[in-house]
Amino acid sequence: MADAAVAGDAGGAVALLRHALDTGLDPVPIVAALALRLRNLAKVASMRGGGLSARDLGMAPWQVDRARKDLRAWTPEGLATAISAVAQADADVKGEARDTVFAVERAVMTIARSRRA
């Protein structure tokens, strides 16, 4: 689901999200998975032009390669919007919102739409 959202596939991401929720997965780990995926993008984006390695970032080389590929379709502004959406969803699923499912769905949609077309 996080991969689909980062890839800009809003429909696929929401379908996978609903399936996860329907099978009993709690919204908190779903938001954590979204946050991890975006955090990896942000880490790799920070190493552009720098001499940091995958090891310096605490990531496996394949994760860095994947993030580099994904970042081709992201602007810094889009990534910031997506990270903000996940931060809000995190607060929402931990007690700030009445409807945690809607909070996660909104975050997934925001992530997918924040990607450059």
PDB file of N, CA and C in Angstrom:
ATOM      1  N   MET A   1       0.817  -1.175   0.000  1.00  0.00           N
ATOM      2  CA  MET A   1       0.000   0.000   0.000  1.00  0.00           C
ATOM      3  C   MET A   1       0.869   1.250   0.000  1.00  0.00           C
ATOM      4  N   ALA A   2       1.907   1.275   0.812  1.00  0.00           N
ATOM      5  CA  ALA A   2       2.806   2.424   0.843  1.00  0.00           C
ATOM      6  C   ALA A   2       3.512   2.572  -0.501  1.00  0.00           C
ATOM      7  N   ASP A   3       3.903   1.464  -1.102  1.00  0.00           N
ATOM      8  CA  ASP A   3       4.563   1.515  -2.405  1.00  0.00           C
ATOM      9  C   ASP A   3       3.630   2.080  -3.473  1.00  0.00           C
ATOM     10  N   ALA A   4       2.379   1.657  -3.441  1.00  0.00           N
ATOM     11  CA  ALA A   4       1.406   2.159  -4.417  1.00  0.00           C
ATOM     12  C   ALA A   4       1.172   3.652  -4.228  1.00  0.00           C
ATOM     13  N   ALA A   5       1.083   4.096  -2.992  1.00  0.00           N
ATOM     14  CA  ALA A   5       0.883   5.526  -2.727  1.00  0.00           C
ATOM     15  C   ALA A   5       2.069   6.338  -3.224  1.00  0.00           C
ATOM     16  N   VAL A   6       3.280   5.886  -2.941  1.00  0.00           N
ATOM     17  CA  VAL A   6       4.488   6.595  -3.377  1.00  0.00           C
ATOM     18  C   VAL A   6       4.594   6.592  -4.897  1.00  0.00           C
ATOM     19  N   ALA A   7       4.089   5.550  -5.531  1.00  0.00           N
ATOM     20  CA  ALA A   7       4.105   5.463  -6.995  1.00  0.00           C
ATOM     21  C   ALA A   7       3.019   6.312  -7.645  1.00  0.00           C
ATOM     22  N   GLY A   8       2.142   6.909  -6.832  1.00  0.00           N
ATOM     23  CA  GLY A   8       1.090   7.755  -7.373  1.00  0.00           C
ATOM     24  C   GLY A   8      -0.175   7.009  -7.752  1.00  0.00           C
ATOM     25  N   ASP A   9      -0.271   5.747  -7.379  1.00  0.00           N
ATOM     26  CA  ASP A   9      -1.437   4.924  -7.689  1.00  0.00           C
ATOM     27  C   ASP A   9      -2.455   5.036  -6.549  1.00  0.00           C
ATOM     28  N   ALA A  10      -3.219   6.112  -6.553  1.00  0.00           N
ATOM     29  CA  ALA A  10      -4.166   6.376  -5.464  1.00  0.00           C
ATOM     30  C   ALA A  10      -5.203   5.268  -5.342  1.00  0.00           C
ATOM     31  N   GLY A  11      -5.773   4.840  -6.457  1.00  0.00           N
ATOM     32  CA  GLY A  11      -6.798   3.798  -6.425  1.00  0.00           C
ATOM     33  C   GLY A  11      -6.269   2.491  -5.876  1.00  0.00           C
ATOM     34  N   GLY A  12      -5.118   2.093  -6.360  1.00  0.00           N
ATOM     35  CA  GLY A  12      -4.512   0.854  -5.874  1.00  0.00           C
ATOM     36  C   GLY A  12      -4.143   0.930  -4.403  1.00  0.00           C
ATOM     37  N   ALA A  13      -3.619   2.072  -3.998  1.00  0.00           N
ATOM     38  CA  ALA A  13      -3.223   2.248  -2.604  1.00  0.00           C
ATOM     39  C   ALA A  13      -4.434   2.198  -1.673  1.00  0.00           C
ATOM     40  N   VAL A  14      -5.512   2.850  -2.067  1.00  0.00           N
ATOM     41  CA  VAL A  14      -6.720   2.840  -1.236  1.00  0.00           C
ATOM     42  C   VAL A  14      -7.325   1.432  -1.190  1.00  0.00           C
ATOM     43  N   ALA A  15      -7.309   0.732  -2.302  1.00  0.00           N
ATOM     44  CA  ALA A  15      -7.825  -0.641  -2.311  1.00  0.00           C
ATOM     45  C   ALA A  15      -7.008  -1.526  -1.374  1.00  0.00           C
ATOM     46  N   LEU A  16      -5.697  -1.398  -1.421  1.00  0.00           N
ATOM     47  CA  LEU A  16      -4.836  -2.186  -0.535  1.00  0.00           C
ATOM     48  C   LEU A  16      -5.036  -1.771   0.922  1.00  0.00           C
ATOM     49  N   LEU A  17      -5.220  -0.492   1.157  1.00  0.00           N
ATOM     50  CA  LEU A  17      -5.483  -0.003   2.512  1.00  0.00           C
ATOM     51  C   LEU A  17      -6.773  -0.601   3.052  1.00  0.00           C
ATOM     52  N   ARG A  18      -7.817  -0.550   2.264  1.00  0.00           N
ATOM     53  CA  ARG A  18      -9.108  -1.094   2.717  1.00  0.00           C
ATOM     54  C   ARG A  18      -9.023  -2.589   2.979  1.00  0.00           C
ATOM     55  N   HIS A  19      -8.278  -3.294   2.137  1.00  0.00           N
ATOM     56  CA  HIS A  19      -8.100  -4.727   2.359  1.00  0.00           C
ATOM     57  C   HIS A  19      -7.370  -4.966   3.685  1.00  0.00           C
ATOM     58  N   ALA A  20      -6.329  -4.206   3.926  1.00  0.00           N
ATOM     59  CA  ALA A  20      -5.567  -4.356   5.172  1.00  0.00           C
ATOM     60  C   ALA A  20      -6.459  -4.092   6.387  1.00  0.00           C
ATOM     61  N   LEU A  21      -7.252  -3.044   6.311  1.00  0.00           N
ATOM     62  CA  LEU A  21      -8.145  -2.715   7.422  1.00  0.00           C
ATOM     63  C   LEU A  21      -9.239  -3.769   7.594  1.00  0.00           C
ATOM     64  N   ASP A  22      -9.769  -4.271   6.473  1.00  0.00           N
ATOM     65  CA  ASP A  22     -10.818  -5.291   6.526  1.00  0.00           C
ATOM     66  C   ASP A  22     -10.326  -6.608   7.107  1.00  0.00           C
ATOM     67  N   THR A  23      -9.032  -6.858   6.984  1.00  0.00           N
ATOM     68  CA  THR A  23      -8.477  -8.099   7.526  1.00  0.00           C
ATOM     69  C   THR A  23      -7.947  -7.916   8.947  1.00  0.00           C
ATOM     70  N   GLY A  24      -8.208  -6.735   9.516  1.00  0.00           N
ATOM     71  CA  GLY A  24      -7.902  -6.534  10.933  1.00  0.00           C
ATOM     72  C   GLY A  24      -6.642  -5.764  11.267  1.00  0.00           C
ATOM     73  N   LEU A  25      -5.958  -5.246  10.285  1.00  0.00           N
ATOM     74  CA  LEU A  25      -4.748  -4.487  10.580  1.00  0.00           C
ATOM     75  C   LEU A  25      -5.132  -3.137  11.184  1.00  0.00           C
ATOM     76  N   ASP A  26      -4.471  -2.773  12.254  1.00  0.00           N
ATOM     77  CA  ASP A  26      -4.722  -1.518  12.937  1.00  0.00           C
ATOM     78  C   ASP A  26      -4.145  -0.347  12.127  1.00  0.00           C
ATOM     79  N   PRO A  27      -4.769   0.817  12.155  1.00  0.00           N
ATOM     80  CA  PRO A  27      -4.261   1.969  11.399  1.00  0.00           C
ATOM     81  C   PRO A  27      -2.881   2.460  11.833  1.00  0.00           C
ATOM     82  N   VAL A  28      -2.511   2.259  13.090  1.00  0.00           N
ATOM     83  CA  VAL A  28      -1.221   2.775  13.568  1.00  0.00           C
ATOM     84  C   VAL A  28      -0.041   2.184  12.800  1.00  0.00           C
ATOM     85  N   PRO A  29       0.079   0.872  12.643  1.00  0.00           N
ATOM     86  CA  PRO A  29       1.200   0.349  11.863  1.00  0.00           C
ATOM     87  C   PRO A  29       1.124   0.698  10.374  1.00  0.00           C
ATOM     88  N   ILE A  30      -0.074   0.944   9.880  1.00  0.00           N
ATOM     89  CA  ILE A  30      -0.200   1.364   8.486  1.00  0.00           C
ATOM     90  C   ILE A  30       0.446   2.731   8.305  1.00  0.00           C
ATOM     91  N   VAL A  31       0.151   3.635   9.222  1.00  0.00           N
ATOM     92  CA  VAL A  31       0.764   4.970   9.161  1.00  0.00           C
ATOM     93  C   VAL A  31       2.274   4.857   9.346  1.00  0.00           C
ATOM     94  N   ALA A  32       2.714   3.957  10.206  1.00  0.00           N
ATOM     95  CA  ALA A  32       4.152   3.755  10.400  1.00  0.00           C
ATOM     96  C   ALA A  32       4.825   3.289   9.112  1.00  0.00           C
ATOM     97  N   ALA A  33       4.158   2.422   8.364  1.00  0.00           N
ATOM     98  CA  ALA A  33       4.714   1.948   7.085  1.00  0.00           C
ATOM     99  C   ALA A  33       4.813   3.096   6.082  1.00  0.00           C
ATOM    100  N   LEU A  34       3.794   3.944   6.047  1.00  0.00           N
ATOM    101  CA  LEU A  34       3.839   5.117   5.170  1.00  0.00           C
ATOM    102  C   LEU A  34       4.980   6.035   5.570  1.00  0.00           C
ATOM    103  N   ALA A  35       5.119   6.253   6.866  1.00  0.00           N
ATOM    104  CA  ALA A  35       6.176   7.139   7.363  1.00  0.00           C
ATOM    105  C   ALA A  35       7.562   6.592   7.023  1.00  0.00           C
ATOM    106  N   LEU A  36       7.746   5.299   7.178  1.00  0.00           N
ATOM    107  CA  LEU A  36       9.035   4.684   6.860  1.00  0.00           C
ATOM    108  C   LEU A  36       9.383   4.870   5.386  1.00  0.00           C
ATOM    109  N   ARG A  37       8.416   4.643   4.541  1.00  0.00           N
ATOM    110  CA  ARG A  37       8.651   4.768   3.091  1.00  0.00           C
ATOM    111  C   ARG A  37       9.037   6.198   2.730  1.00  0.00           C
ATOM    112  N   LEU A  38       8.326   7.167   3.292  1.00  0.00           N
ATOM    113  CA  LEU A  38       8.640   8.576   3.001  1.00  0.00           C
ATOM    114  C   LEU A  38       9.943   9.009   3.663  1.00  0.00           C
ATOM    115  N   ARG A  39      10.213   8.479   4.850  1.00  0.00           N
ATOM    116  CA  ARG A  39      11.476   8.798   5.522  1.00  0.00           C
ATOM    117  C   ARG A  39      12.663   8.327   4.685  1.00  0.00           C
ATOM    118  N   ASN A  40      12.551   7.149   4.081  1.00  0.00           N
ATOM    119  CA  ASN A  40      13.622   6.662   3.211  1.00  0.00           C
ATOM    120  C   ASN A  40      13.820   7.584   2.012  1.00  0.00           C
ATOM    121  N   LEU A  41      12.719   8.059   1.436  1.00  0.00           N
ATOM    122  CA  LEU A  41      12.842   9.010   0.327  1.00  0.00           C
ATOM    123  C   LEU A  41      13.545  10.282   0.781  1.00  0.00           C
ATOM    124  N   ALA A  42      13.167  10.781   1.937  1.00  0.00           N
ATOM    125  CA  ALA A  42      13.770  12.013   2.446  1.00  0.00           C
ATOM    126  C   ALA A  42      15.252  11.829   2.750  1.00  0.00           C
ATOM    127  N   LYS A  43      15.615  10.690   3.319  1.00  0.00           N
ATOM    128  CA  LYS A  43      17.039  10.417   3.595  1.00  0.00           C
ATOM    129  C   LYS A  43      17.855  10.430   2.309  1.00  0.00           C
ATOM    130  N   VAL A  44      17.359   9.740   1.307  1.00  0.00           N
ATOM    131  CA  VAL A  44      18.095   9.656   0.044  1.00  0.00           C
ATOM    132  C   VAL A  44      18.117  11.013  -0.653  1.00  0.00           C
ATOM    133  N   ALA A  45      17.031  11.751  -0.566  1.00  0.00           N
ATOM    134  CA  ALA A  45      16.998  13.094  -1.162  1.00  0.00           C
ATOM    135  C   ALA A  45      18.046  13.986  -0.504  1.00  0.00           C
ATOM    136  N   SER A  46      18.291  13.776   0.772  1.00  0.00           N
ATOM    137  CA  SER A  46      19.269  14.605   1.478  1.00  0.00           C
ATOM    138  C   SER A  46      20.701  14.304   1.058  1.00  0.00           C
ATOM    139  N   MET A  47      20.938  13.165   0.453  1.00  0.00           N
ATOM    140  CA  MET A  47      22.305  12.806   0.065  1.00  0.00           C
ATOM    141  C   MET A  47      22.649  13.209  -1.360  1.00  0.00           C
ATOM    142  N   ARG A  48      21.703  13.823  -2.044  1.00  0.00           N
ATOM    143  CA  ARG A  48      22.003  14.297  -3.401  1.00  0.00           C
ATOM    144  C   ARG A  48      23.148  15.287  -3.347  1.00  0.00           C
ATOM    145  N   GLY A  49      24.157  15.014  -4.126  1.00  0.00           N
ATOM    146  CA  GLY A  49      25.314  15.894  -4.171  1.00  0.00           C
ATOM    147  C   GLY A  49      26.265  15.706  -3.001  1.00  0.00           C
ATOM    148  N   GLY A  50      25.891  14.843  -2.065  1.00  0.00           N
ATOM    149  CA  GLY A  50      26.739  14.602  -0.907  1.00  0.00           C
ATOM    150  C   GLY A  50      27.470  13.283  -1.032  1.00  0.00           C
ATOM    151  N   GLY A  51      28.358  13.045  -0.131  1.00  0.00           N
ATOM    152  CA  GLY A  51      29.147  11.829  -0.159  1.00  0.00           C
ATOM    153  C   GLY A  51      28.633  10.766   0.782  1.00  0.00           C
ATOM    154  N   LEU A  52      27.363  10.794   1.121  1.00  0.00           N
ATOM    155  CA  LEU A  52      26.819   9.811   2.042  1.00  0.00           C
ATOM    156  C   LEU A  52      26.559   8.490   1.323  1.00  0.00           C
ATOM    157  N   SER A  53      26.791   7.412   2.034  1.00  0.00           N
ATOM    158  CA  SER A  53      26.535   6.085   1.480  1.00  0.00           C
ATOM    159  C   SER A  53      25.281   5.500   2.114  1.00  0.00           C
ATOM    160  N   ALA A  54      24.863   4.366   1.585  1.00  0.00           N
ATOM    161  CA  ALA A  54      23.704   3.671   2.151  1.00  0.00           C
ATOM    162  C   ALA A  54      23.958   3.361   3.621  1.00  0.00           C
ATOM    163  N   ARG A  55      25.161   2.975   3.915  1.00  0.00           N
ATOM    164  CA  ARG A  55      25.509   2.651   5.308  1.00  0.00           C
ATOM    165  C   ARG A  55      25.376   3.881   6.199  1.00  0.00           C
ATOM    166  N   ASP A  56      25.806   5.039   5.698  1.00  0.00           N
ATOM    167  CA  ASP A  56      25.683   6.277   6.466  1.00  0.00           C
ATOM    168  C   ASP A  56      24.227   6.600   6.779  1.00  0.00           C
ATOM    169  N   LEU A  57      23.350   6.223   5.870  1.00  0.00           N
ATOM    170  CA  LEU A  57      21.922   6.501   6.034  1.00  0.00           C
ATOM    171  C   LEU A  57      21.200   5.426   6.840  1.00  0.00           C
ATOM    172  N   GLY A  58      21.901   4.335   7.144  1.00  0.00           N
ATOM    173  CA  GLY A  58      21.273   3.233   7.862  1.00  0.00           C
ATOM    174  C   GLY A  58      20.310   2.450   6.994  1.00  0.00           C
ATOM    175  N   MET A  59      20.612   2.397   5.707  1.00  0.00           N
ATOM    176  CA  MET A  59      19.749   1.713   4.747  1.00  0.00           C
ATOM    177  C   MET A  59      20.557   0.688   3.971  1.00  0.00           C
ATOM    178  N   ALA A  60      19.863  -0.293   3.440  1.00  0.00           N
ATOM    179  CA  ALA A  60      20.502  -1.264   2.555  1.00  0.00           C
ATOM    180  C   ALA A  60      20.689  -0.620   1.177  1.00  0.00           C
ATOM    181  N   PRO A  61      21.712  -1.035   0.438  1.00  0.00           N
ATOM    182  CA  PRO A  61      21.934  -0.458  -0.886  1.00  0.00           C
ATOM    183  C   PRO A  61      20.711  -0.558  -1.808  1.00  0.00           C
ATOM    184  N   TRP A  62      19.969  -1.656  -1.743  1.00  0.00           N
ATOM    185  CA  TRP A  62      18.780  -1.792  -2.597  1.00  0.00           C
ATOM    186  C   TRP A  62      17.716  -0.766  -2.213  1.00  0.00           C
ATOM    187  N   GLN A  63      17.635  -0.423  -0.936  1.00  0.00           N
ATOM    188  CA  GLN A  63      16.667   0.590  -0.512  1.00  0.00           C
ATOM    189  C   GLN A  63      17.034   1.966  -1.072  1.00  0.00           C
ATOM    190  N   VAL A  64      18.323   2.256  -1.081  1.00  0.00           N
ATOM    191  CA  VAL A  64      18.786   3.533  -1.634  1.00  0.00           C
ATOM    192  C   VAL A  64      18.510   3.583  -3.132  1.00  0.00           C
ATOM    193  N   ASP A  65      18.803   2.491  -3.831  1.00  0.00           N
ATOM    194  CA  ASP A  65      18.545   2.441  -5.277  1.00  0.00           C
ATOM    195  C   ASP A  65      17.060   2.640  -5.575  1.00  0.00           C
ATOM    196  N   ARG A  66      16.224   1.983  -4.804  1.00  0.00           N
ATOM    197  CA  ARG A  66      14.779   2.104  -4.997  1.00  0.00           C
ATOM    198  C   ARG A  66      14.307   3.531  -4.718  1.00  0.00           C
ATOM    199  N   ALA A  67      14.818   4.121  -3.660  1.00  0.00           N
ATOM    200  CA  ALA A  67      14.424   5.491  -3.322  1.00  0.00           C
ATOM    201  C   ALA A  67      14.889   6.470  -4.398  1.00  0.00           C
ATOM    202  N   ARG A  68      16.089   6.268  -4.913  1.00  0.00           N
ATOM    203  CA  ARG A  68      16.577   7.142  -5.998  1.00  0.00           C
ATOM    204  C   ARG A  68      15.650   7.076  -7.210  1.00  0.00           C
ATOM    205  N   LYS A  69      15.240   5.871  -7.539  1.00  0.00           N
ATOM    206  CA  LYS A  69      14.328   5.694  -8.669  1.00  0.00           C
ATOM    207  C   LYS A  69      13.006   6.403  -8.399  1.00  0.00           C
ATOM    208  N   ASP A  70      12.467   6.213  -7.203  1.00  0.00           N
ATOM    209  CA  ASP A  70      11.196   6.846  -6.841  1.00  0.00           C
ATOM    210  C   ASP A  70      11.300   8.364  -6.820  1.00  0.00           C
ATOM    211  N   LEU A  71      12.421   8.879  -6.374  1.00  0.00           N
ATOM    212  CA  LEU A  71      12.580  10.332  -6.241  1.00  0.00           C
ATOM    213  C   LEU A  71      12.545  11.072  -7.576  1.00  0.00           C
ATOM    214  N   ARG A  72      12.750  10.368  -8.654  1.00  0.00           N
ATOM    215  CA  ARG A  72      12.684  11.021  -9.978  1.00  0.00           C
ATOM    216  C   ARG A  72      11.312  11.638 -10.225  1.00  0.00           C
ATOM    217  N   ALA A  73      10.297  11.103  -9.554  1.00  0.00           N
ATOM    218  CA  ALA A  73       8.928  11.579  -9.755  1.00  0.00           C
ATOM    219  C   ALA A  73       8.444  12.477  -8.614  1.00  0.00           C
ATOM    220  N   TRP A  74       9.352  12.910  -7.774  1.00  0.00           N
ATOM    221  CA  TRP A  74       8.972  13.729  -6.624  1.00  0.00           C
ATOM    222  C   TRP A  74       9.717  15.056  -6.621  1.00  0.00           C
ATOM    223  N   THR A  75       8.985  16.102  -6.258  1.00  0.00           N
ATOM    224  CA  THR A  75       9.616  17.400  -6.015  1.00  0.00           C
ATOM    225  C   THR A  75       9.824  17.527  -4.510  1.00  0.00           C
ATOM    226  N   PRO A  76      10.713  18.405  -4.085  1.00  0.00           N
ATOM    227  CA  PRO A  76      10.863  18.625  -2.643  1.00  0.00           C
ATOM    228  C   PRO A  76       9.554  19.077  -1.987  1.00  0.00           C
ATOM    229  N   GLU A  77       8.793  19.889  -2.698  1.00  0.00           N
ATOM    230  CA  GLU A  77       7.514  20.366  -2.158  1.00  0.00           C
ATOM    231  C   GLU A  77       6.507  19.231  -2.017  1.00  0.00           C
ATOM    232  N   GLY A  78       6.468  18.364  -3.017  1.00  0.00           N
ATOM    233  CA  GLY A  78       5.562  17.219  -2.962  1.00  0.00           C
ATOM    234  C   GLY A  78       5.916  16.282  -1.823  1.00  0.00           C
ATOM    235  N   LEU A  79       7.209  16.061  -1.626  1.00  0.00           N
ATOM    236  CA  LEU A  79       7.657  15.197  -0.541  1.00  0.00           C
ATOM    237  C   LEU A  79       7.305  15.820   0.812  1.00  0.00           C
ATOM    238  N   ALA A  80       7.475  17.115   0.932  1.00  0.00           N
ATOM    239  CA  ALA A  80       7.120  17.805   2.179  1.00  0.00           C
ATOM    240  C   ALA A  80       5.622  17.701   2.450  1.00  0.00           C
ATOM    241  N   THR A  81       4.813  17.842   1.429  1.00  0.00           N
ATOM    242  CA  THR A  81       3.358  17.712   1.585  1.00  0.00           C
ATOM    243  C   THR A  81       2.992  16.307   2.044  1.00  0.00           C
ATOM    244  N   ALA A  82       3.610  15.307   1.447  1.00  0.00           N
ATOM    245  CA  ALA A  82       3.329  13.919   1.809  1.00  0.00           C
ATOM    246  C   ALA A  82       3.751  13.631   3.249  1.00  0.00           C
ATOM    247  N   ILE A  83       4.905  14.123   3.639  1.00  0.00           N
ATOM    248  CA  ILE A  83       5.386  13.908   5.008  1.00  0.00           C
ATOM    249  C   ILE A  83       4.460  14.593   6.012  1.00  0.00           C
ATOM    250  N   SER A  84       4.006  15.785   5.679  1.00  0.00           N
ATOM    251  CA  SER A  84       3.067  16.492   6.565  1.00  0.00           C
ATOM    252  C   SER A  84       1.752  15.721   6.703  1.00  0.00           C
ATOM    253  N   ALA A  85       1.292  15.138   5.602  1.00  0.00           N
ATOM    254  CA  ALA A  85       0.053  14.357   5.643  1.00  0.00           C
ATOM    255  C   ALA A  85       0.203  13.141   6.547  1.00  0.00           C
ATOM    256  N   VAL A  86       1.351  12.502   6.499  1.00  0.00           N
ATOM    257  CA  VAL A  86       1.581  11.330   7.353  1.00  0.00           C
ATOM    258  C   VAL A  86       1.713  11.749   8.814  1.00  0.00           C
ATOM    259  N   ALA A  87       2.336  12.887   9.069  1.00  0.00           N
ATOM    260  CA  ALA A  87       2.436  13.376  10.446  1.00  0.00           C
ATOM    261  C   ALA A  87       1.044  13.637  11.016  1.00  0.00           C
ATOM    262  N   GLN A  88       0.170  14.234  10.210  1.00  0.00           N
ATOM    263  CA  GLN A  88      -1.196  14.488  10.663  1.00  0.00           C
ATOM    264  C   GLN A  88      -1.944  13.174  10.883  1.00  0.00           C
ATOM    265  N   ALA A  89      -1.780  12.230   9.974  1.00  0.00           N
ATOM    266  CA  ALA A  89      -2.434  10.928  10.123  1.00  0.00           C
ATOM    267  C   ALA A  89      -1.938  10.213  11.374  1.00  0.00           C
ATOM    268  N   ASP A  90      -0.666  10.351  11.673  1.00  0.00           N
ATOM    269  CA  ASP A  90      -0.106   9.727  12.870  1.00  0.00           C
ATOM    270  C   ASP A  90      -0.791  10.276  14.123  1.00  0.00           C
ATOM    271  N   ALA A  91      -0.930  11.589  14.183  1.00  0.00           N
ATOM    272  CA  ALA A  91      -1.632  12.193  15.322  1.00  0.00           C
ATOM    273  C   ALA A  91      -3.090  11.749  15.349  1.00  0.00           C
ATOM    274  N   ASP A  92      -3.706  11.694  14.183  1.00  0.00           N
ATOM    275  CA  ASP A  92      -5.122  11.322  14.107  1.00  0.00           C
ATOM    276  C   ASP A  92      -5.373   9.895  14.597  1.00  0.00           C
ATOM    277  N   VAL A  93      -4.539   8.959  14.176  1.00  0.00           N
ATOM    278  CA  VAL A  93      -4.776   7.565  14.563  1.00  0.00           C
ATOM    279  C   VAL A  93      -4.398   7.305  16.014  1.00  0.00           C
ATOM    280  N   LYS A  94      -3.703   8.249  16.617  1.00  0.00           N
ATOM    281  CA  LYS A  94      -3.322   8.095  18.026  1.00  0.00           C
ATOM    282  C   LYS A  94      -4.190   8.946  18.947  1.00  0.00           C
ATOM    283  N   GLY A  95      -5.380   9.310  18.449  1.00  0.00           N
ATOM    284  CA  GLY A  95      -6.331   9.943  19.328  1.00  0.00           C
ATOM    285  C   GLY A  95      -6.858  11.301  18.926  1.00  0.00           C
ATOM    286  N   GLU A  96      -6.312  11.913  17.906  1.00  0.00           N
ATOM    287  CA  GLU A  96      -6.750  13.244  17.510  1.00  0.00           C
ATOM    288  C   GLU A  96      -8.030  13.249  16.679  1.00  0.00           C
ATOM    289  N   ALA A  97      -8.347  12.136  16.055  1.00  0.00           N
ATOM    290  CA  ALA A  97      -9.514  12.092  15.164  1.00  0.00           C
ATOM    291  C   ALA A  97     -10.468  10.989  15.598  1.00  0.00           C
ATOM    292  N   ARG A  98     -11.722  11.195  15.299  1.00  0.00           N
ATOM    293  CA  ARG A  98     -12.726  10.171  15.602  1.00  0.00           C
ATOM    294  C   ARG A  98     -12.685   9.036  14.593  1.00  0.00           C
ATOM    295  N   ASP A  99     -12.452   9.376  13.345  1.00  0.00           N
ATOM    296  CA  ASP A  99     -12.476   8.377  12.279  1.00  0.00           C
ATOM    297  C   ASP A  99     -11.051   8.115  11.800  1.00  0.00           C
ATOM    298  N   THR A 100     -10.415   7.114  12.378  1.00  0.00           N
ATOM    299  CA  THR A 100      -9.020   6.822  12.045  1.00  0.00           C
ATOM    300  C   THR A 100      -8.875   6.277  10.632  1.00  0.00           C
ATOM    301  N   VAL A 101      -9.878   5.556  10.170  1.00  0.00           N
ATOM    302  CA  VAL A 101      -9.818   5.012   8.804  1.00  0.00           C
ATOM    303  C   VAL A 101      -9.797   6.153   7.795  1.00  0.00           C
ATOM    304  N   PHE A 102     -10.655   7.130   7.991  1.00  0.00           N
ATOM    305  CA  PHE A 102     -10.670   8.288   7.095  1.00  0.00           C
ATOM    306  C   PHE A 102      -9.339   9.020   7.149  1.00  0.00           C
ATOM    307  N   ALA A 103      -8.744   9.135   8.324  1.00  0.00           N
ATOM    308  CA  ALA A 103      -7.466   9.832   8.472  1.00  0.00           C
ATOM    309  C   ALA A 103      -6.370   9.150   7.653  1.00  0.00           C
ATOM    310  N   VAL A 104      -6.327   7.835   7.708  1.00  0.00           N
ATOM    311  CA  VAL A 104      -5.305   7.104   6.949  1.00  0.00           C
ATOM    312  C   VAL A 104      -5.604   7.189   5.456  1.00  0.00           C
ATOM    313  N   GLU A 105      -6.861   7.068   5.093  1.00  0.00           N
ATOM    314  CA  GLU A 105      -7.229   7.153   3.685  1.00  0.00           C
ATOM    315  C   GLU A 105      -6.868   8.524   3.108  1.00  0.00           C
ATOM    316  N   ARG A 106      -7.123   9.564   3.877  1.00  0.00           N
ATOM    317  CA  ARG A 106      -6.770  10.921   3.439  1.00  0.00           C
ATOM    318  C   ARG A 106      -5.261  11.047   3.233  1.00  0.00           C
ATOM    319  N   ALA A 107      -4.474  10.476   4.138  1.00  0.00           N
ATOM    320  CA  ALA A 107      -3.017  10.530   4.004  1.00  0.00           C
ATOM    321  C   ALA A 107      -2.557   9.787   2.749  1.00  0.00           C
ATOM    322  N   VAL A 108      -3.118   8.616   2.516  1.00  0.00           N
ATOM    323  CA  VAL A 108      -2.753   7.833   1.331  1.00  0.00           C
ATOM    324  C   VAL A 108      -3.060   8.621   0.054  1.00  0.00           C
ATOM    325  N   MET A 109      -4.224   9.222   0.013  1.00  0.00           N
ATOM    326  CA  MET A 109      -4.607  10.010  -1.163  1.00  0.00           C
ATOM    327  C   MET A 109      -3.674  11.223  -1.338  1.00  0.00           C
ATOM    328  N   THR A 110      -3.339  11.879  -0.255  1.00  0.00           N
ATOM    329  CA  THR A 110      -2.446  13.040  -0.332  1.00  0.00           C
ATOM    330  C   THR A 110      -1.066  12.630  -0.831  1.00  0.00           C
ATOM    331  N   ILE A 111      -0.570  11.512  -0.338  1.00  0.00           N
ATOM    332  CA  ILE A 111       0.735  11.026  -0.797  1.00  0.00           C
ATOM    333  C   ILE A 111       0.690  10.768  -2.298  1.00  0.00           C
ATOM    334  N   ALA A 112      -0.304  10.027  -2.734  1.00  0.00           N
ATOM    335  CA  ALA A 112      -0.403   9.677  -4.148  1.00  0.00           C
ATOM    336  C   ALA A 112      -0.525  10.916  -5.025  1.00  0.00           C
ATOM    337  N   ARG A 113      -1.272  11.904  -4.565  1.00  0.00           N
ATOM    338  CA  ARG A 113      -1.466  13.127  -5.358  1.00  0.00           C
ATOM    339  C   ARG A 113      -0.285  14.089  -5.287  1.00  0.00           C
ATOM    340  N   SER A 114       0.586  13.912  -4.296  1.00  0.00           N
ATOM    341  CA  SER A 114       1.736  14.802  -4.138  1.00  0.00           C
ATOM    342  C   SER A 114       2.880  14.451  -5.083  1.00  0.00           C
ATOM    343  N   ARG A 115       2.821  13.264  -5.627  1.00  0.00           N
ATOM    344  CA  ARG A 115       3.835  12.813  -6.575  1.00  0.00           C
ATOM    345  C   ARG A 115       3.666  13.565  -7.874  1.00  0.00           C
ATOM    346  N   ARG A 116       4.776  13.920  -8.472  1.00  0.00           N
ATOM    347  CA  ARG A 116       4.745  14.613  -9.765  1.00  0.00           C
ATOM    348  C   ARG A 116       4.201  13.671 -10.815  1.00  0.00           C
ATOM    349  N   ALA A 117       3.328  14.156 -11.654  1.00  0.00           N
ATOM    350  CA  ALA A 117       2.715  13.320 -12.684  1.00  0.00           C
ATOM    351  C   ALA A 117       3.670  12.994 -13.806  1.00  0.00           C
TER     352      ALA A 117
END
